Amino acid sequence: LETLRTLRRRGKTLLFVSHSTEAVREMCDRACLFDHGRLLYDGGVDETLARYANLITAGHASAHPVTAGPV
């Protein structure tokens, strides 16, 4: 993660894929939510994670549980 932080500070664009809400909040200014390769939402991190949590709550088959563990 430190390498990613360094690249981010240098203004580089990164594609960061994770199911860790903490890591996404720390690393991202914007987030996208996909389901089976289909873009469901592209926007702010908080709104994207709220939509992700709604998928989990709804028991969406392809959604993974929200974790705070390692990336």
PDB file of N, CA and C in Angstrom:
ATOM      1  N   LEU A   1       0.818  -1.203   0.000  1.00  0.00           N
ATOM      2  CA  LEU A   1       0.000   0.000   0.000  1.00  0.00           C
ATOM      3  C   LEU A   1       0.856   1.258   0.000  1.00  0.00           C
ATOM      4  N   GLU A   2       2.026   1.190   0.604  1.00  0.00           N
ATOM      5  CA  GLU A   2       2.873   2.392   0.640  1.00  0.00           C
ATOM      6  C   GLU A   2       3.294   2.807  -0.770  1.00  0.00           C
ATOM      7  N   THR A   3       3.592   1.838  -1.621  1.00  0.00           N
ATOM      8  CA  THR A   3       3.938   2.153  -3.011  1.00  0.00           C
ATOM      9  C   THR A   3       2.772   2.851  -3.707  1.00  0.00           C
ATOM     10  N   LEU A   4       1.560   2.371  -3.470  1.00  0.00           N
ATOM     11  CA  LEU A   4       0.384   3.012  -4.065  1.00  0.00           C
ATOM     12  C   LEU A   4       0.210   4.430  -3.537  1.00  0.00           C
ATOM     13  N   ARG A   5       0.429   4.625  -2.245  1.00  0.00           N
ATOM     14  CA  ARG A   5       0.332   5.980  -1.659  1.00  0.00           C
ATOM     15  C   ARG A   5       1.351   6.922  -2.302  1.00  0.00           C
ATOM     16  N   THR A   6       2.568   6.424  -2.520  1.00  0.00           N
ATOM     17  CA  THR A   6       3.616   7.236  -3.138  1.00  0.00           C
ATOM     18  C   THR A   6       3.219   7.637  -4.555  1.00  0.00           C
ATOM     19  N   LEU A   7       2.730   6.688  -5.320  1.00  0.00           N
ATOM     20  CA  LEU A   7       2.298   6.994  -6.689  1.00  0.00           C
ATOM     21  C   LEU A   7       1.149   8.002  -6.690  1.00  0.00           C
ATOM     22  N   ARG A   8       0.245   7.843  -5.762  1.00  0.00           N
ATOM     23  CA  ARG A   8      -0.896   8.769  -5.662  1.00  0.00           C
ATOM     24  C   ARG A   8      -0.419  10.180  -5.342  1.00  0.00           C
ATOM     25  N   ARG A   9       0.523  10.310  -4.415  1.00  0.00           N
ATOM     26  CA  ARG A   9       1.070  11.634  -4.070  1.00  0.00           C
ATOM     27  C   ARG A   9       1.744  12.281  -5.272  1.00  0.00           C
ATOM     28  N   ARG A  10       2.279  11.466  -6.163  1.00  0.00           N
ATOM     29  CA  ARG A  10       2.936  11.976  -7.379  1.00  0.00           C
ATOM     30  C   ARG A  10       1.935  12.319  -8.481  1.00  0.00           C
ATOM     31  N   GLY A  11       0.651  12.138  -8.195  1.00  0.00           N
ATOM     32  CA  GLY A  11      -0.377  12.502  -9.166  1.00  0.00           C
ATOM     33  C   GLY A  11      -0.661  11.454 -10.218  1.00  0.00           C
ATOM     34  N   LYS A  12      -0.215  10.235  -9.993  1.00  0.00           N
ATOM     35  CA  LYS A  12      -0.451   9.148 -10.952  1.00  0.00           C
ATOM     36  C   LYS A  12      -1.879   8.644 -10.839  1.00  0.00           C
ATOM     37  N   THR A  13      -2.405   8.169 -11.943  1.00  0.00           N
ATOM     38  CA  THR A  13      -3.725   7.550 -11.961  1.00  0.00           C
ATOM     39  C   THR A  13      -3.552   6.064 -11.697  1.00  0.00           C
ATOM     40  N   LEU A  14      -4.334   5.555 -10.743  1.00  0.00           N
ATOM     41  CA  LEU A  14      -4.246   4.146 -10.364  1.00  0.00           C
ATOM     42  C   LEU A  14      -5.603   3.487 -10.472  1.00  0.00           C
ATOM     43  N   LEU A  15      -5.601   2.233 -10.851  1.00  0.00           N
ATOM     44  CA  LEU A  15      -6.810   1.421 -10.799  1.00  0.00           C
ATOM     45  C   LEU A  15      -6.633   0.504  -9.597  1.00  0.00           C
ATOM     46  N   PHE A  16      -7.423   0.739  -8.572  1.00  0.00           N
ATOM     47  CA  PHE A  16      -7.308   0.014  -7.309  1.00  0.00           C
ATOM     48  C   PHE A  16      -8.576  -0.807  -7.139  1.00  0.00           C
ATOM     49  N   VAL A  17      -8.437  -2.129  -7.068  1.00  0.00           N
ATOM     50  CA  VAL A  17      -9.590  -3.017  -6.949  1.00  0.00           C
ATOM     51  C   VAL A  17      -9.557  -3.664  -5.571  1.00  0.00           C
ATOM     52  N   SER A  18     -10.659  -3.503  -4.813  1.00  0.00           N
ATOM     53  CA  SER A  18     -10.681  -4.051  -3.467  1.00  0.00           C
ATOM     54  C   SER A  18     -12.115  -4.180  -2.977  1.00  0.00           C
ATOM     55  N   HIS A  19     -12.318  -5.113  -2.054  1.00  0.00           N
ATOM     56  CA  HIS A  19     -13.590  -5.227  -1.345  1.00  0.00           C
ATOM     57  C   HIS A  19     -13.453  -4.653   0.061  1.00  0.00           C
ATOM     58  N   SER A  20     -12.291  -4.098   0.377  1.00  0.00           N
ATOM     59  CA  SER A  20     -12.047  -3.500   1.687  1.00  0.00           C
ATOM     60  C   SER A  20     -12.498  -2.043   1.676  1.00  0.00           C
ATOM     61  N   THR A  21     -13.557  -1.750   2.414  1.00  0.00           N
ATOM     62  CA  THR A  21     -14.078  -0.382   2.430  1.00  0.00           C
ATOM     63  C   THR A  21     -13.056   0.596   3.000  1.00  0.00           C
ATOM     64  N   GLU A  22     -12.316   0.182   4.013  1.00  0.00           N
ATOM     65  CA  GLU A  22     -11.301   1.062   4.595  1.00  0.00           C
ATOM     66  C   GLU A  22     -10.222   1.409   3.581  1.00  0.00           C
ATOM     67  N   ALA A  23      -9.753   0.429   2.844  1.00  0.00           N
ATOM     68  CA  ALA A  23      -8.715   0.670   1.844  1.00  0.00           C
ATOM     69  C   ALA A  23      -9.238   1.570   0.730  1.00  0.00           C
ATOM     70  N   VAL A  24     -10.451   1.356   0.298  1.00  0.00           N
ATOM     71  CA  VAL A  24     -11.028   2.194  -0.754  1.00  0.00           C
ATOM     72  C   VAL A  24     -11.148   3.632  -0.265  1.00  0.00           C
ATOM     73  N   ARG A  25     -11.632   3.815   0.959  1.00  0.00           N
ATOM     74  CA  ARG A  25     -11.743   5.183   1.508  1.00  0.00           C
ATOM     75  C   ARG A  25     -10.378   5.861   1.603  1.00  0.00           C
ATOM     76  N   GLU A  26      -9.361   5.097   1.981  1.00  0.00           N
ATOM     77  CA  GLU A  26      -8.025   5.677   2.137  1.00  0.00           C
ATOM     78  C   GLU A  26      -7.376   6.013   0.798  1.00  0.00           C
ATOM     79  N   MET A  27      -7.569   5.154  -0.189  1.00  0.00           N
ATOM     80  CA  MET A  27      -6.807   5.268  -1.428  1.00  0.00           C
ATOM     81  C   MET A  27      -7.516   6.014  -2.549  1.00  0.00           C
ATOM     82  N   CYS A  28      -8.827   6.170  -2.467  1.00  0.00           N
ATOM     83  CA  CYS A  28      -9.565   6.630  -3.640  1.00  0.00           C
ATOM     84  C   CYS A  28     -10.276   7.972  -3.439  1.00  0.00           C
ATOM     85  N   ASP A  29     -10.333   8.731  -4.525  1.00  0.00           N
ATOM     86  CA  ASP A  29     -11.120   9.960  -4.586  1.00  0.00           C
ATOM     87  C   ASP A  29     -12.451   9.711  -5.281  1.00  0.00           C
ATOM     88  N   ARG A  30     -12.508   8.629  -6.015  1.00  0.00           N
ATOM     89  CA  ARG A  30     -13.672   8.261  -6.818  1.00  0.00           C
ATOM     90  C   ARG A  30     -13.723   6.748  -6.870  1.00  0.00           C
ATOM     91  N   ALA A  31     -14.920   6.189  -7.031  1.00  0.00           N
ATOM     92  CA  ALA A  31     -15.038   4.733  -7.075  1.00  0.00           C
ATOM     93  C   ALA A  31     -16.086   4.304  -8.090  1.00  0.00           C
ATOM     94  N   CYS A  32     -15.907   3.103  -8.591  1.00  0.00           N
ATOM     95  CA  CYS A  32     -16.854   2.496  -9.516  1.00  0.00           C
ATOM     96  C   CYS A  32     -17.340   1.183  -8.900  1.00  0.00           C
ATOM     97  N   LEU A  33     -18.594   0.878  -9.142  1.00  0.00           N
ATOM     98  CA  LEU A  33     -19.187  -0.371  -8.657  1.00  0.00           C
ATOM     99  C   LEU A  33     -19.579  -1.198  -9.878  1.00  0.00           C
ATOM    100  N   PHE A  34     -19.034  -2.412  -9.947  1.00  0.00           N
ATOM    101  CA  PHE A  34     -19.312  -3.317 -11.064  1.00  0.00           C
ATOM    102  C   PHE A  34     -20.028  -4.561 -10.567  1.00  0.00           C
ATOM    103  N   ASP A  35     -20.814  -5.152 -11.432  1.00  0.00           N
ATOM    104  CA  ASP A  35     -21.445  -6.443 -11.171  1.00  0.00           C
ATOM    105  C   ASP A  35     -21.371  -7.254 -12.448  1.00  0.00           C
ATOM    106  N   HIS A  36     -20.669  -8.365 -12.391  1.00  0.00           N
ATOM    107  CA  HIS A  36     -20.480  -9.218 -13.572  1.00  0.00           C
ATOM    108  C   HIS A  36     -19.990  -8.417 -14.779  1.00  0.00           C
ATOM    109  N   GLY A  37     -19.052  -7.512 -14.539  1.00  0.00           N
ATOM    110  CA  GLY A  37     -18.480  -6.721 -15.619  1.00  0.00           C
ATOM    111  C   GLY A  37     -19.328  -5.546 -16.073  1.00  0.00           C
ATOM    112  N   ARG A  38     -20.482  -5.362 -15.458  1.00  0.00           N
ATOM    113  CA  ARG A  38     -21.380  -4.268 -15.834  1.00  0.00           C
ATOM    114  C   ARG A  38     -21.228  -3.139 -14.817  1.00  0.00           C
ATOM    115  N   LEU A  39     -20.994  -1.930 -15.317  1.00  0.00           N
ATOM    116  CA  LEU A  39     -20.856  -0.772 -14.445  1.00  0.00           C
ATOM    117  C   LEU A  39     -22.214  -0.401 -13.868  1.00  0.00           C
ATOM    118  N   LEU A  40     -22.309  -0.421 -12.527  1.00  0.00           N
ATOM    119  CA  LEU A  40     -23.549  -0.042 -11.852  1.00  0.00           C
ATOM    120  C   LEU A  40     -23.519   1.400 -11.387  1.00  0.00           C
ATOM    121  N   TYR A  41     -22.325   1.898 -11.019  1.00  0.00           N
ATOM    122  CA  TYR A  41     -22.225   3.264 -10.509  1.00  0.00           C
ATOM    123  C   TYR A  41     -20.791   3.759 -10.629  1.00  0.00           C
ATOM    124  N   ASP A  42     -20.634   5.037 -10.910  1.00  0.00           N
ATOM    125  CA  ASP A  42     -19.334   5.691 -10.994  1.00  0.00           C
ATOM    126  C   ASP A  42     -19.493   7.055 -10.344  1.00  0.00           C
ATOM    127  N   GLY A  43     -18.795   7.257  -9.216  1.00  0.00           N
ATOM    128  CA  GLY A  43     -18.940   8.540  -8.545  1.00  0.00           C
ATOM    129  C   GLY A  43     -18.146   8.599  -7.259  1.00  0.00           C
ATOM    130  N   GLY A  44     -18.662   9.329  -6.302  1.00  0.00           N
ATOM    131  CA  GLY A  44     -17.985   9.518  -5.034  1.00  0.00           C
ATOM    132  C   GLY A  44     -17.838   8.218  -4.263  1.00  0.00           C
ATOM    133  N   VAL A  45     -16.796   8.159  -3.458  1.00  0.00           N
ATOM    134  CA  VAL A  45     -16.475   6.949  -2.701  1.00  0.00           C
ATOM    135  C   VAL A  45     -17.604   6.587  -1.741  1.00  0.00           C
ATOM    136  N   ASP A  46     -18.077   7.548  -0.958  1.00  0.00           N
ATOM    137  CA  ASP A  46     -19.115   7.239   0.036  1.00  0.00           C
ATOM    138  C   ASP A  46     -20.389   6.712  -0.617  1.00  0.00           C
ATOM    139  N   GLU A  47     -20.822   7.339  -1.697  1.00  0.00           N
ATOM    140  CA  GLU A  47     -22.033   6.883  -2.387  1.00  0.00           C
ATOM    141  C   GLU A  47     -21.822   5.499  -2.997  1.00  0.00           C
ATOM    142  N   THR A  48     -20.649   5.263  -3.572  1.00  0.00           N
ATOM    143  CA  THR A  48     -20.360   3.948  -4.165  1.00  0.00           C
ATOM    144  C   THR A  48     -20.376   2.864  -3.096  1.00  0.00           C
ATOM    145  N   LEU A  49     -19.745   3.135  -1.942  1.00  0.00           N
ATOM    146  CA  LEU A  49     -19.722   2.137  -0.880  1.00  0.00           C
ATOM    147  C   LEU A  49     -21.112   1.922  -0.279  1.00  0.00           C
ATOM    148  N   ALA A  50     -21.931   2.952  -0.245  1.00  0.00           N
ATOM    149  CA  ALA A  50     -23.310   2.791   0.225  1.00  0.00           C
ATOM    150  C   ALA A  50     -24.087   1.891  -0.726  1.00  0.00           C
ATOM    151  N   ARG A  51     -23.893   2.075  -2.003  1.00  0.00           N
ATOM    152  CA  ARG A  51     -24.567   1.215  -2.992  1.00  0.00           C
ATOM    153  C   ARG A  51     -24.056  -0.220  -2.891  1.00  0.00           C
ATOM    154  N   TYR A  52     -22.763  -0.368  -2.659  1.00  0.00           N
ATOM    155  CA  TYR A  52     -22.172  -1.699  -2.475  1.00  0.00           C
ATOM    156  C   TYR A  52     -22.781  -2.380  -1.247  1.00  0.00           C
ATOM    157  N   ALA A  53     -22.893  -1.648  -0.148  1.00  0.00           N
ATOM    158  CA  ALA A  53     -23.494  -2.195   1.070  1.00  0.00           C
ATOM    159  C   ALA A  53     -24.942  -2.591   0.828  1.00  0.00           C
ATOM    160  N   ASN A  54     -25.668  -1.813   0.031  1.00  0.00           N
ATOM    161  CA  ASN A  54     -27.054  -2.160  -0.301  1.00  0.00           C
ATOM    162  C   ASN A  54     -27.126  -3.473  -1.079  1.00  0.00           C
ATOM    163  N   LEU A  55     -26.167  -3.705  -1.963  1.00  0.00           N
ATOM    164  CA  LEU A  55     -26.133  -4.983  -2.691  1.00  0.00           C
ATOM    165  C   LEU A  55     -25.927  -6.138  -1.720  1.00  0.00           C
ATOM    166  N   ILE A  56     -25.022  -5.944  -0.768  1.00  0.00           N
ATOM    167  CA  ILE A  56     -24.753  -6.980   0.227  1.00  0.00           C
ATOM    168  C   ILE A  56     -26.014  -7.250   1.050  1.00  0.00           C
ATOM    169  N   THR A  57     -26.638  -6.178   1.523  1.00  0.00           N
ATOM    170  CA  THR A  57     -27.838  -6.294   2.357  1.00  0.00           C
ATOM    171  C   THR A  57     -28.967  -6.985   1.602  1.00  0.00           C
ATOM    172  N   ALA A  58     -29.060  -6.704   0.319  1.00  0.00           N
ATOM    173  CA  ALA A  58     -30.116  -7.298  -0.504  1.00  0.00           C
ATOM    174  C   ALA A  58     -29.818  -8.764  -0.837  1.00  0.00           C
ATOM    175  N   GLY A  59     -28.629  -9.240  -0.445  1.00  0.00           N
ATOM    176  CA  GLY A  59     -28.273 -10.632  -0.719  1.00  0.00           C
ATOM    177  C   GLY A  59     -27.932 -10.880  -2.170  1.00  0.00           C
ATOM    178  N   HIS A  60     -27.407  -9.873  -2.828  1.00  0.00           N
ATOM    179  CA  HIS A  60     -27.049  -9.985  -4.237  1.00  0.00           C
ATOM    180  C   HIS A  60     -26.034 -11.105  -4.411  1.00  0.00           C
ATOM    181  N   ALA A  61     -26.293 -12.021  -5.318  1.00  0.00           N
ATOM    182  CA  ALA A  61     -25.495 -13.245  -5.452  1.00  0.00           C
ATOM    183  C   ALA A  61     -24.034 -12.996  -5.772  1.00  0.00           C
ATOM    184  N   SER A  62     -23.717 -11.966  -6.556  1.00  0.00           N
ATOM    185  CA  SER A  62     -22.322 -11.776  -6.966  1.00  0.00           C
ATOM    186  C   SER A  62     -21.558 -10.856  -6.040  1.00  0.00           C
ATOM    187  N   ALA A  63     -22.219 -10.237  -5.088  1.00  0.00           N
ATOM    188  CA  ALA A  63     -21.546  -9.309  -4.191  1.00  0.00           C
ATOM    189  C   ALA A  63     -20.756 -10.062  -3.135  1.00  0.00           C
ATOM    190  N   HIS A  64     -19.635  -9.494  -2.755  1.00  0.00           N
ATOM    191  CA  HIS A  64     -18.797 -10.059  -1.708  1.00  0.00           C
ATOM    192  C   HIS A  64     -19.017  -9.284  -0.430  1.00  0.00           C
ATOM    193  N   PRO A  65     -18.790  -9.904   0.725  1.00  0.00           N
ATOM    194  CA  PRO A  65     -18.993  -9.177   1.973  1.00  0.00           C
ATOM    195  C   PRO A  65     -18.024  -8.018   2.121  1.00  0.00           C
ATOM    196  N   VAL A  66     -18.475  -6.961   2.723  1.00  0.00           N
ATOM    197  CA  VAL A  66     -17.635  -5.802   3.006  1.00  0.00           C
ATOM    198  C   VAL A  66     -16.727  -6.161   4.164  1.00  0.00           C
ATOM    199  N   THR A  67     -15.416  -6.014   3.959  1.00  0.00           N
ATOM    200  CA  THR A  67     -14.477  -6.370   5.007  1.00  0.00           C
ATOM    201  C   THR A  67     -13.550  -5.206   5.290  1.00  0.00           C
ATOM    202  N   ALA A  68     -12.973  -5.223   6.454  1.00  0.00           N
ATOM    203  CA  ALA A  68     -11.988  -4.213   6.823  1.00  0.00           C
ATOM    204  C   ALA A  68     -10.599  -4.839   6.910  1.00  0.00           C
ATOM    205  N   GLY A  69     -10.459  -6.025   6.364  1.00  0.00           N
ATOM    206  CA  GLY A  69      -9.202  -6.758   6.459  1.00  0.00           C
ATOM    207  C   GLY A  69      -8.194  -6.319   5.415  1.00  0.00           C
ATOM    208  N   PRO A  70      -7.122  -7.107   5.249  1.00  0.00           N
ATOM    209  CA  PRO A  70      -6.063  -6.781   4.295  1.00  0.00           C
ATOM    210  C   PRO A  70      -6.597  -6.691   2.879  1.00  0.00           C
ATOM    211  N   VAL A  71      -5.929  -5.901   2.098  1.00  0.00           N
ATOM    212  CA  VAL A  71      -6.322  -5.700   0.695  1.00  0.00           C
ATOM    213  C   VAL A  71      -5.795  -6.838  -0.127  1.00  0.00           C
TER     214      VAL A  71
END
